[in-house]
C-alpha atoms as a PDB file:
ATOM      1  CA  GLN A   1      16.083  -5.798  -9.541  1.00  0.00           C
ATOM      2  CA  VAL A   2      13.211  -3.729  -8.234  1.00  0.00           C
ATOM      3  CA  GLN A   3      13.553  -0.754  -5.941  1.00  0.00           C
ATOM      4  CA  LEU A   4      10.590   0.488  -3.906  1.00  0.00           C
ATOM      5  CA  VAL A   5      10.617   3.686  -1.863  1.00  0.00           C
ATOM      6  CA  GLU A   6       7.697   4.684   0.344  1.00  0.00           C
ATOM      7  CA  SER A   7       6.991   8.100   1.835  1.00  0.00           C
ATOM      8  CA  GLY A   8       4.164  10.075   3.366  1.00  0.00           C
ATOM      9  CA  GLY A   9       3.530   8.316   6.644  1.00  0.00           C
ATOM     10  CA  GLY A  10       3.287  10.125   9.949  1.00  0.00           C
ATOM     11  CA  LEU A  11       1.385  10.728  13.159  1.00  0.00           C
ATOM     12  CA  VAL A  12      -2.311  11.530  12.885  1.00  0.00           C
ATOM     13  CA  GLN A  13      -5.242  11.702  15.268  1.00  0.00           C
ATOM     14  CA  PRO A  14      -8.116   9.218  15.046  1.00  0.00           C
ATOM     15  CA  GLY A  15     -10.464  10.242  12.260  1.00  0.00           C
ATOM     16  CA  GLY A  16      -7.684  11.934  10.333  1.00  0.00           C
ATOM     17  CA  SER A  17      -6.229  11.235   6.886  1.00  0.00           C
ATOM     18  CA  LEU A  18      -2.888  10.410   5.292  1.00  0.00           C
ATOM     19  CA  ARG A  19      -1.786   9.693   1.722  1.00  0.00           C
ATOM     20  CA  PRO A  20       1.454   7.723   1.542  1.00  0.00           C
ATOM     21  CA  SER A  21       3.045   7.097  -1.837  1.00  0.00           C
ATOM     22  CA  CYS A  22       5.427   4.528  -3.264  1.00  0.00           C
ATOM     23  CA  ALA A  23       7.812   4.889  -6.192  1.00  0.00           C
ATOM     24  CA  ALA A  24       8.922   1.789  -8.085  1.00  0.00           C
ATOM     25  CA  SER A  25      12.005   1.632 -10.304  1.00  0.00           C
ATOM     26  CA  GLY A  26      14.326  -0.924 -11.867  1.00  0.00           C
ATOM     27  CA  THR A  27      13.196  -4.049 -13.688  1.00  0.00           C
ATOM     28  CA  ILE A  28       9.459  -3.552 -13.281  1.00  0.00           C
ATOM     29  CA  PHE A  29       8.148  -3.856 -16.838  1.00  0.00           C
ATOM     30  CA  SER A  30       6.900  -7.435 -16.307  1.00  0.00           C
ATOM     31  CA  PHE A  31       4.798  -6.610 -13.270  1.00  0.00           C
ATOM     32  CA  ARG A  32       1.126  -5.825 -13.766  1.00  0.00           C
ATOM     33  CA  ALA A  33       0.069  -5.053 -10.209  1.00  0.00           C
ATOM     34  CA  MET A  34       1.118  -3.106  -7.144  1.00  0.00           C
ATOM     35  CA  ALA A  35      -0.036  -3.337  -3.568  1.00  0.00           C
ATOM     36  CA  TRP A  36       0.236  -1.935  -0.067  1.00  0.00           C
ATOM     37  CA  TYR A  37       0.870  -4.210   2.893  1.00  0.00           C
ATOM     38  CA  ARG A  38       1.118  -3.338   6.571  1.00  0.00           C
ATOM     39  CA  ARG A  39       2.717  -4.882   9.621  1.00  0.00           C
ATOM     40  CA  ALA A  40       1.659  -3.905  13.122  1.00  0.00           C
ATOM     41  CA  PRO A  41       3.992  -4.588  16.070  1.00  0.00           C
ATOM     42  CA  GLY A  42       4.048  -8.293  16.883  1.00  0.00           C
ATOM     43  CA  LYS A  43       1.840  -9.233  13.939  1.00  0.00           C
ATOM     44  CA  GLN A  44       2.316 -10.654  10.466  1.00  0.00           C
ATOM     45  CA  ARG A  45       2.371  -8.561   7.306  1.00  0.00           C
ATOM     46  CA  ASP A  46      -1.106  -8.294   5.803  1.00  0.00           C
ATOM     47  CA  LEU A  47      -2.385  -7.118   2.455  1.00  0.00           C
ATOM     48  CA  VAL A  48      -4.165  -3.753   2.672  1.00  0.00           C
ATOM     49  CA  ALA A  49      -4.974  -2.901  -0.941  1.00  0.00           C
ATOM     50  CA  ALA A  50      -3.953  -3.942  -4.454  1.00  0.00           C
ATOM     51  CA  ILE A  51      -4.354  -2.480  -7.929  1.00  0.00           C
ATOM     52  CA  ALA A  52      -3.792  -4.007 -11.364  1.00  0.00           C
ATOM     53  CA  SER A  53      -2.726  -2.223 -14.540  1.00  0.00           C
ATOM     54  CA  ASP A  54      -6.323  -2.445 -15.836  1.00  0.00           C
ATOM     55  CA  GLY A  55      -7.597  -0.666 -12.738  1.00  0.00           C
ATOM     56  CA  THR A  56      -8.932  -3.686 -10.884  1.00  0.00           C
ATOM     57  CA  THR A  57      -8.635  -3.198  -7.123  1.00  0.00           C
ATOM     58  CA  ASP A  58      -8.951  -5.291  -3.997  1.00  0.00           C
ATOM     59  CA  TYR A  59      -9.090  -4.264  -0.339  1.00  0.00           C
ATOM     60  CA  ALA A  60      -8.867  -5.884   3.044  1.00  0.00           C
ATOM     61  CA  ASP A  61     -12.274  -5.941   4.725  1.00  0.00           C
ATOM     62  CA  SER A  62     -10.957  -3.795   7.568  1.00  0.00           C
ATOM     63  CA  VAL A  63     -10.206  -0.840   5.264  1.00  0.00           C
ATOM     64  CA  LYS A  64     -13.032  -1.020   2.708  1.00  0.00           C
ATOM     65  CA  GLY A  65     -14.820   2.304   2.422  1.00  0.00           C
ATOM     66  CA  ARG A  66     -11.980   4.158   4.164  1.00  0.00           C
ATOM     67  CA  PHE A  67      -8.876   3.529   2.026  1.00  0.00           C
ATOM     68  CA  THR A  68      -8.431   4.045  -1.722  1.00  0.00           C
ATOM     69  CA  ILE A  69      -5.495   2.770  -3.774  1.00  0.00           C
ATOM     70  CA  SER A  70      -4.509   4.493  -7.015  1.00  0.00           C
ATOM     71  CA  ARG A  71      -1.559   4.646  -9.384  1.00  0.00           C
ATOM     72  CA  ASP A  72      -0.178   7.130 -11.890  1.00  0.00           C
ATOM     73  CA  ASN A  73      -0.565   6.670 -15.641  1.00  0.00           C
ATOM     74  CA  ALA A  74       2.952   5.341 -16.084  1.00  0.00           C
ATOM     75  CA  GLY A  75       2.222   2.762 -13.412  1.00  0.00           C
ATOM     76  CA  TYR A  76       5.396   3.328 -11.473  1.00  0.00           C
ATOM     77  CA  ARG A  77       3.938   5.196  -8.503  1.00  0.00           C
ATOM     78  CA  VAL A  78       1.128   4.027  -6.256  1.00  0.00           C
ATOM     79  CA  TYR A  79      -0.788   5.932  -3.602  1.00  0.00           C
ATOM     80  CA  LEU A  80      -2.931   4.974  -0.627  1.00  0.00           C
ATOM     81  CA  GLN A  81      -5.525   7.535   0.437  1.00  0.00           C
ATOM     82  CA  MET A  82      -6.364   6.688   4.043  1.00  0.00           C
ATOM     83  CA  ASN A  83      -9.400   8.378   5.601  1.00  0.00           C
ATOM     84  CA  SER A  84     -11.178   7.924   8.923  1.00  0.00           C
ATOM     85  CA  LEU A  85      -8.039   6.456  10.424  1.00  0.00           C
ATOM     86  CA  LYS A  86      -8.299   4.332  13.561  1.00  0.00           C
ATOM     87  CA  PRO A  87      -5.697   3.410  16.189  1.00  0.00           C
ATOM     88  CA  GLU A  88      -5.751  -0.162  14.856  1.00  0.00           C
ATOM     89  CA  ASP A  89      -4.437   1.159  11.521  1.00  0.00           C
ATOM     90  CA  THR A  90      -1.102   1.887  13.220  1.00  0.00           C
ATOM     91  CA  ALA A  91       1.596  -0.071  11.382  1.00  0.00           C
ATOM     92  CA  VAL A  92       4.525   0.109   8.998  1.00  0.00           C
ATOM     93  CA  TYR A  93       3.102   0.350   5.487  1.00  0.00           C
ATOM     94  CA  SER A  94       5.134  -1.147   2.629  1.00  0.00           C
ATOM     95  CA  CYS A  95       4.517  -1.472  -1.089  1.00  0.00           C
ATOM     96  CA  THR A  96       5.323  -4.248  -3.525  1.00  0.00           C
ATOM     97  CA  VAL A  97       4.915  -5.291  -7.148  1.00  0.00           C
ATOM     98  CA  GLY A  98       3.248  -8.427  -8.413  1.00  0.00           C
ATOM     99  CA  HIS A  99       0.965 -10.034 -10.943  1.00  0.00           C
ATOM    100  CA  TYR A 100      -2.719 -10.123 -11.808  1.00  0.00           C
ATOM    101  CA  ARG A 101      -4.665 -12.486 -14.030  1.00  0.00           C
ATOM    102  CA  SER A 102      -7.771 -13.833 -12.365  1.00  0.00           C
ATOM    103  CA  ALA A 103      -6.281 -13.100  -8.943  1.00  0.00           C
ATOM    104  CA  PHE A 104      -3.537 -11.000  -7.436  1.00  0.00           C
ATOM    105  CA  ARG A 105      -0.189 -12.553  -6.478  1.00  0.00           C
ATOM    106  CA  PHE A 106       2.549 -10.792  -4.555  1.00  0.00           C
ATOM    107  CA  ASP A 107       5.836 -12.482  -3.680  1.00  0.00           C
ATOM    108  CA  GLY A 108       7.946  -9.443  -2.898  1.00  0.00           C
ATOM    109  CA  PRO A 109      10.216  -7.593  -2.748  1.00  0.00           C
ATOM    110  CA  TRP A 110       8.861  -5.009  -0.330  1.00  0.00           C
ATOM    111  CA  GLY A 111      10.134  -1.540   0.355  1.00  0.00           C
ATOM    112  CA  GLN A 112      11.471  -0.391   3.717  1.00  0.00           C
ATOM    113  CA  GLY A 113       8.095   1.007   4.596  1.00  0.00           C
ATOM    114  CA  THR A 114       6.694   4.177   6.111  1.00  0.00           C
ATOM    115  CA  GLN A 115       5.381   4.376   9.669  1.00  0.00           C
ATOM    116  CA  VAL A 116       1.750   5.346  10.197  1.00  0.00           C
ATOM    117  CA  THR A 117       0.728   6.071  13.788  1.00  0.00           C
ATOM    118  CA  VAL A 118      -2.850   6.881  14.717  1.00  0.00           C
ATOM    119  CA  SER A 119      -3.074   8.261  18.222  1.00  0.00           C
ATOM    120  CA  SER A 120      -4.619  11.100  20.188  1.00  0.00           C
END
């Protein structure tokens, strides 16, 4: 089984920054990618950013140029640097593990998530 624990969310004003992190443990040796998803109230869970073990990344159009995904050398912790935050970025942010060959694929599981609220 895979365990995923997120931290580092919070309340921030528009234009501010946050850097949540996610620690993965358990049976993760077969996974070659990690990702951040988010779910806003009343909406579906959407992919925010993904990173493969070779460094390949992918971002949702809405966060390109503002968010940066990274991971540590061991590959078991992933970060999401979020800059220039907007109220529409408010959501619960969760991480997951998955696969990457020519495309990313994420089927879960997801962690419990960390709340990010952008408000003045």
